[in-house]
Amino acid sequence: MDGEAIISVSAAVVALVQLVKWGGIPDRFGPIAVMVFALSGVILWGWSVGHFERAQAFAYFAGWVAVSTSAAGVFGFTRASATAVSNMKAPPTGGAGQNPTVP
C-alpha cells in the first residue's frame, strides 16, 4: 500500500468507526472493532486493486497498522483500553502496590 491508498482506506475506516461508535458500541469492544474494521478495509482495498502477493505482505501489514492507529485515535483507544485493562486485573495487595507513593 502506498501513502495515497492508506489515506483513502483510513478515511473510510475512520468514518465507519464513527458510525459504529455513534450506533452505541460499548467502549470495551472499541479496540477489537477498530482492528477488525481496519483489517477489513485493507483487505477490501487489496481485493479491489487485484493483487494479493507475498511480496506485498509487509506493505499490507504496514497499511493495516497505519489505518488502525488512525481509527483508534478517533474512537478513543487509550481511554477504552485503560478501562478494559483496569477491569481485567485487580491491583496488587503486596509489594510495590502495598504502599502508595506520597510526594
Protein backbone atom coordinates (compact mmCIF):
# COMPACT_ATOMS: atom_id res chain seq x y z
CA MET A 1 0.00 0.00 0.00
CA ASP A 2 1.27 3.43 -0.82
CA GLY A 3 0.52 6.58 1.13
CA GLU A 4 -2.44 7.56 -1.03
CA ALA A 5 -4.08 4.17 -0.51
CA ILE A 6 -3.52 4.33 3.25
CA ILE A 7 -5.15 7.76 3.41
CA SER A 8 -8.13 6.58 1.34
CA VAL A 9 -8.67 3.45 3.41
CA SER A 10 -8.13 5.37 6.65
CA ALA A 11 -10.79 7.91 5.72
CA ALA A 12 -13.33 5.17 5.06
CA VAL A 13 -12.47 3.17 8.18
CA VAL A 14 -12.46 6.27 10.42
CA ALA A 15 -15.92 7.18 9.12
CA LEU A 16 -17.15 3.62 9.66
CA VAL A 17 -15.78 3.57 13.21
CA GLN A 18 -17.50 6.90 13.91
CA LEU A 19 -20.81 5.45 12.68
CA VAL A 20 -20.41 2.34 14.82
CA LYS A 21 -19.44 4.47 17.82
CA TRP A 22 -22.47 6.66 17.24
CA GLY A 23 -24.56 3.49 16.97
CA GLY A 24 -23.67 2.64 20.54
CA ILE A 25 -20.85 0.09 20.56
CA PRO A 26 -19.50 -0.18 24.13
CA ASP A 27 -16.00 1.18 24.80
CA ARG A 28 -14.76 -2.27 25.82
CA PHE A 29 -15.31 -3.52 22.25
CA GLY A 30 -13.61 -0.47 20.71
CA PRO A 31 -10.07 -1.81 20.32
CA ILE A 32 -11.09 -5.08 18.68
CA ALA A 33 -13.70 -3.36 16.50
CA VAL A 34 -11.13 -0.85 15.25
CA MET A 35 -8.64 -3.59 14.37
CA VAL A 36 -11.27 -5.70 12.60
CA PHE A 37 -12.63 -2.73 10.61
CA ALA A 38 -9.09 -1.70 9.64
CA LEU A 39 -8.26 -5.24 8.54
CA SER A 40 -11.49 -5.42 6.55
CA GLY A 41 -10.73 -2.09 4.88
CA VAL A 42 -7.20 -3.12 3.90
CA ILE A 43 -8.38 -6.50 2.56
CA LEU A 44 -11.20 -4.86 0.59
CA TRP A 45 -8.75 -2.37 -0.86
CA GLY A 46 -6.32 -5.17 -1.80
CA TRP A 47 -9.11 -7.14 -3.43
CA SER A 48 -10.31 -4.08 -5.35
CA VAL A 49 -6.87 -3.38 -6.84
CA GLY A 50 -6.49 -7.05 -7.65
CA HIS A 51 -3.14 -8.12 -6.27
CA PHE A 52 -2.52 -10.24 -3.22
CA GLU A 53 1.10 -11.34 -3.48
CA ARG A 54 3.68 -12.47 -0.96
CA ALA A 55 5.92 -9.58 -1.97
CA GLN A 56 3.16 -7.17 -0.86
CA ALA A 57 2.58 -8.80 2.56
CA PHE A 58 4.55 -6.27 4.59
CA ALA A 59 3.03 -3.34 2.73
CA TYR A 60 -0.42 -4.64 3.66
CA PHE A 61 0.66 -5.14 7.27
CA ALA A 62 2.11 -1.63 7.49
CA GLY A 63 -1.05 -0.27 5.89
CA TRP A 64 -3.22 -2.11 8.42
CA VAL A 65 -1.18 -0.66 11.30
CA ALA A 66 -1.48 2.87 9.90
CA VAL A 67 -5.21 2.53 9.29
CA SER A 68 -5.75 1.02 12.76
CA THR A 69 -3.93 3.83 14.52
CA SER A 70 -5.89 6.45 12.57
CA ALA A 71 -9.22 4.92 13.53
CA ALA A 72 -8.07 4.19 17.08
CA GLY A 73 -7.40 7.84 17.75
CA VAL A 74 -10.90 8.75 16.69
CA PHE A 75 -12.53 6.04 18.82
CA GLY A 76 -10.55 6.90 21.94
CA PHE A 77 -8.30 3.84 22.06
CA THR A 78 -6.37 4.98 25.11
CA ARG A 79 -9.48 5.65 27.15
CA ALA A 80 -11.18 2.42 26.07
CA SER A 81 -8.05 0.31 26.56
CA ALA A 82 -7.33 1.70 30.02
CA THR A 83 -10.82 0.77 31.20
CA ALA A 84 -10.52 -2.74 29.78
CA VAL A 85 -7.12 -3.31 31.37
CA SER A 86 -8.17 -1.98 34.77
CA ASN A 87 -11.25 -4.21 34.76
CA MET A 88 -9.25 -7.36 33.94
CA LYS A 89 -6.87 -7.43 36.85
CA ALA A 90 -7.11 -6.40 40.48
CA PRO A 91 -4.34 -4.19 41.88
CA PRO A 92 -1.55 -5.96 43.77
CA THR A 93 -2.03 -6.37 47.51
CA GLY A 94 1.62 -6.70 48.47
CA GLY A 95 4.99 -5.47 47.38
CA ALA A 96 5.17 -2.20 45.47
CA GLY A 97 1.38 -1.87 45.28
CA GLN A 98 1.03 -2.07 49.04
CA ASN A 99 2.22 1.48 49.84
CA PRO A 100 1.03 4.41 47.71
CA THR A 101 3.60 6.92 46.53
CA VAL A 102 3.45 10.13 48.52
CA PRO A 103 5.17 13.30 47.28
